[in-house]
Structure formats: structure tokens, C-alpha cells
Amino acid sequence: MQYAFASWSDGGAINHAIDVTATPATYTANFQAQYQLTTAPFPEPAGVVTPSTGFAAGSTVTVAYTPNSPHVFTAWSGSSSGIANSLSLTIDEPLSIIANFDVPGFTCSIVSRAATPTVADVWQMIAESLGLASAVDDLNRDGIVNIADVQKVVEAARNLGCLY
């Protein structure tokens, strides 16, 4: 939480001149509470989520996403959840919102090999990407076997899960 300048008690601009006279005067600076709204896509390169900044307490903010191809939006998570195209949030505390994305048809299944990926699987995929073997391991279904597919096998082999 932080506080942002809102106004002066005399109605003047944030920077303004005042007359100093023999009569005492009081000038009060008014501040308004702001809360941080943090937004992010998951996984990181899948898209863009806006906005992300500090907002005045009590304000209403609409959070939206823009996916990067071939990703599609699946759901919101974090301080709020749902599957609507956008979220309308009342900012009354710090919030963290995540837009989750997926690639349609993506799988970590490796064609005709053991369930646990190995170095041999990576070598097979490299051969496929070079055209030395039939391209059967296009895990993210983008039409080619490339480093993105190999990375998925490496992550699965390291027990880091199957995320695209």
C-alpha cells in the first residue's frame, strides 16, 4: 500500500502559490490510499495482461488479456478466478491476478517411446527437426518439431512438469 497526493485543502493545484499574510492559515495536503495490482500471464510468453499498477482504494479496474499465438486463454487465478474474457475488480487490498493460457492440442506424450522421457527422446526429436527422421513429436502442434518441443521433453525428464 502507498499513499498518493489527492488535493490541497484550499483547492489549489499540486504546485501553487499561497499568500503569506499576518493572519495564520493552515494548508492541509490530502492523500489517498493506493493498492498494488500485479498481473501476469502464465506461462510467461503466452500473452499480455493489463493493467498492472497502483490504484486508488475503492476504485474499480477491468483486467484483460491478449494471447500470443498459438496460445488460448483458459482461466484466471490468484486473487480472483473465473473464465470470463475480463475481470472487474474492486481494489480494496493488494491483488495479484494471473491469466492462464494453454496451446490447443498440446501434449507431453512422446510418440512410441517410454512414458519417462530420456536423452534418447531428445536426440530423436533433434533428428526429426533436422528432417533425418519422420516428424512425429510435434508436442505443441505448431507444425514443426523444434526447440520448444525438445524443451518440453527436457522439463518432463527433470520432473518440472508439462507446461507450454
Protein backbone atom coordinates (compact mmCIF):
# COMPACT_ATOMS: atom_id res chain seq x y z
CA MET A 1 0.00 0.00 0.00
CA GLN A 2 1.12 3.53 -0.68
CA TYR A 3 -0.38 6.97 -0.45
CA ALA A 4 -0.69 9.35 -3.38
CA PHE A 5 -1.35 13.08 -3.25
CA ALA A 6 -5.05 13.86 -3.82
CA SER A 7 -5.56 17.57 -3.14
CA TRP A 8 -4.85 20.64 -1.01
CA SER A 9 -7.42 21.90 1.48
CA ASP A 10 -7.57 25.24 -0.34
CA GLY A 11 -8.41 23.53 -3.67
CA GLY A 12 -5.18 24.65 -5.31
CA ALA A 13 -3.14 22.61 -7.76
CA ILE A 14 -0.40 20.30 -6.51
CA ASN A 15 2.08 23.16 -7.07
CA HIS A 16 0.58 26.57 -6.45
CA ALA A 17 1.42 29.88 -4.84
CA ILE A 18 -0.01 30.92 -1.47
CA ASP A 19 -0.15 34.38 0.05
CA VAL A 20 1.66 34.72 3.35
CA THR A 21 -0.08 37.33 5.50
CA ALA A 22 -0.11 38.28 9.16
CA THR A 23 -3.23 36.13 9.61
CA PRO A 24 -2.41 32.49 10.42
CA ALA A 25 -3.52 29.98 7.78
CA THR A 26 -3.49 26.21 7.62
CA TYR A 27 -2.96 24.24 4.44
CA THR A 28 -3.58 20.52 4.56
CA ALA A 29 -2.37 18.04 1.95
CA ASN A 30 -4.85 15.20 1.42
CA PHE A 31 -3.63 11.78 0.39
CA GLN A 32 -5.48 8.72 -0.85
CA ALA A 33 -4.52 5.10 -0.19
CA GLN A 34 -3.43 3.11 -3.24
CA TYR A 35 -3.04 -0.65 -3.57
CA GLN A 36 -0.82 -2.54 -5.96
CA LEU A 37 -2.45 -4.64 -8.67
CA THR A 38 0.00 -7.17 -10.10
CA THR A 39 -0.97 -9.01 -13.28
CA ALA A 40 0.91 -11.69 -15.21
CA PRO A 41 0.43 -14.33 -17.91
CA PHE A 42 1.21 -17.99 -17.24
CA PRO A 43 3.28 -19.30 -18.79
CA GLU A 44 5.27 -16.11 -19.29
CA PRO A 45 5.45 -15.89 -23.13
CA ALA A 46 1.80 -16.89 -23.64
CA GLY A 47 0.30 -13.41 -23.68
CA VAL A 48 -0.09 -9.98 -22.12
CA VAL A 49 -2.29 -8.99 -19.16
CA THR A 50 -3.26 -5.37 -18.48
CA PRO A 51 -3.27 -3.19 -16.46
CA SER A 52 -0.69 -3.57 -13.69
CA THR A 53 -0.04 -0.65 -11.37
CA GLY A 54 -1.24 1.09 -8.21
CA PHE A 55 -4.89 2.11 -7.96
CA ALA A 56 -6.82 4.28 -5.54
CA ALA A 57 -8.55 2.33 -2.78
CA GLY A 58 -12.15 1.59 -3.75
CA SER A 59 -11.64 2.05 -7.48
CA THR A 60 -12.93 -0.48 -9.99
CA VAL A 61 -10.49 -1.82 -12.58
CA THR A 62 -11.06 -4.10 -15.56
CA VAL A 63 -8.28 -6.63 -16.15
CA ALA A 64 -7.98 -8.11 -19.65
CA TYR A 65 -5.64 -10.37 -21.61
CA THR A 66 -4.22 -10.65 -25.12
CA PRO A 67 -2.94 -14.14 -26.02
CA ASN A 68 0.12 -14.74 -28.20
CA SER A 69 -0.48 -17.33 -30.94
CA PRO A 70 -0.88 -20.32 -30.65
CA HIS A 71 -1.97 -19.85 -27.02
CA VAL A 72 -5.58 -19.54 -25.84
CA PHE A 73 -6.88 -18.25 -22.53
CA THR A 74 -8.08 -20.93 -20.08
CA ALA A 75 -8.83 -19.23 -16.72
CA TRP A 76 -7.99 -16.52 -14.20
CA SER A 77 -6.26 -17.41 -10.93
CA GLY A 78 -4.68 -15.65 -7.98
CA SER A 79 -6.72 -13.09 -6.03
CA SER A 80 -9.72 -13.80 -8.28
CA SER A 81 -10.77 -16.65 -10.52
CA GLY A 82 -13.07 -17.36 -13.42
CA ILE A 83 -13.18 -17.92 -17.15
CA ALA A 84 -14.73 -14.64 -18.34
CA ASN A 85 -12.87 -12.62 -21.00
CA SER A 86 -12.13 -9.91 -18.44
CA LEU A 87 -12.35 -9.36 -14.69
CA SER A 88 -13.88 -6.36 -12.97
CA LEU A 89 -12.09 -5.85 -9.65
CA THR A 90 -12.68 -3.52 -6.74
CA ILE A 91 -9.28 -2.51 -5.43
CA ASP A 92 -9.57 -2.69 -1.64
CA GLU A 93 -6.32 -4.56 -0.95
CA PRO A 94 -3.18 -5.57 -2.87
CA LEU A 95 -4.21 -8.03 -5.61
CA SER A 96 -2.34 -10.48 -7.82
CA ILE A 97 -4.10 -11.79 -10.94
CA ILE A 98 -2.78 -14.46 -13.31
CA ALA A 99 -4.16 -15.16 -16.78
CA ASN A 100 -3.56 -18.84 -17.54
CA PHE A 101 -3.00 -19.93 -21.13
CA ASP A 102 -2.68 -23.24 -22.97
CA VAL A 103 -1.99 -24.44 -26.50
CA PRO A 104 -4.87 -26.40 -28.06
CA GLY A 105 -3.82 -29.95 -28.80
CA PHE A 106 -0.58 -29.67 -26.81
CA THR A 107 0.59 -32.80 -25.04
CA CYS A 108 3.79 -34.06 -23.45
CA SER A 109 3.14 -37.55 -24.80
CA ILE A 110 6.07 -38.79 -26.80
CA VAL A 111 5.07 -40.99 -29.72
CA SER A 112 6.04 -44.69 -29.47
CA ARG A 113 8.54 -44.38 -26.62
CA ALA A 114 8.64 -44.97 -22.86
CA ALA A 115 6.46 -42.88 -20.52
CA THR A 116 9.52 -41.28 -18.88
CA PRO A 117 11.45 -39.05 -21.32
CA THR A 118 15.17 -39.73 -21.76
CA VAL A 119 18.16 -38.27 -23.58
CA ALA A 120 17.36 -40.68 -26.43
CA ASP A 121 13.99 -38.92 -26.81
CA VAL A 122 15.73 -35.57 -27.14
CA TRP A 123 18.11 -36.98 -29.76
CA GLN A 124 15.16 -38.48 -31.65
CA MET A 125 13.41 -35.08 -31.67
CA ILE A 126 16.58 -33.37 -32.90
CA ALA A 127 16.74 -35.88 -35.75
CA GLU A 128 13.07 -35.11 -36.52
CA SER A 129 13.72 -31.36 -36.53
CA LEU A 130 16.61 -31.84 -38.98
CA GLY A 131 14.47 -33.94 -41.29
CA LEU A 132 16.53 -37.08 -40.56
CA ALA A 133 13.50 -38.86 -39.07
CA SER A 134 9.76 -38.67 -39.52
CA ALA A 135 8.34 -35.66 -37.55
CA VAL A 136 6.06 -37.44 -35.07
CA ASP A 137 6.91 -35.46 -31.90
CA ASP A 138 5.40 -32.05 -32.62
CA LEU A 139 4.24 -31.74 -29.00
CA ASN A 140 2.77 -28.26 -29.29
CA ARG A 141 1.13 -28.92 -32.68
CA ASP A 142 2.67 -25.90 -34.40
CA GLY A 143 3.56 -27.91 -37.50
CA ILE A 144 7.28 -28.41 -36.85
CA VAL A 145 9.50 -30.24 -34.38
CA ASN A 146 11.68 -27.54 -32.87
CA ILE A 147 13.42 -26.42 -29.68
CA ALA A 148 10.07 -25.70 -27.99
CA ASP A 149 9.16 -29.38 -28.32
CA VAL A 150 12.59 -30.54 -27.12
CA GLN A 151 12.37 -28.20 -24.12
CA LYS A 152 9.09 -29.85 -23.09
CA VAL A 153 10.76 -33.26 -23.04
CA VAL A 154 13.72 -31.92 -21.04
CA GLU A 155 11.36 -30.31 -18.48
CA ALA A 156 9.33 -33.52 -18.16
CA ALA A 157 12.53 -35.57 -17.73
CA ARG A 158 13.67 -33.19 -14.96
CA ASN A 159 10.24 -33.63 -13.27
CA LEU A 160 9.40 -29.96 -13.84
CA GLY A 161 6.02 -30.80 -15.29
CA CYS A 162 4.49 -30.44 -18.69
CA LEU A 163 3.91 -26.73 -19.22
CA TYR A 164 3.89 -24.94 -22.52
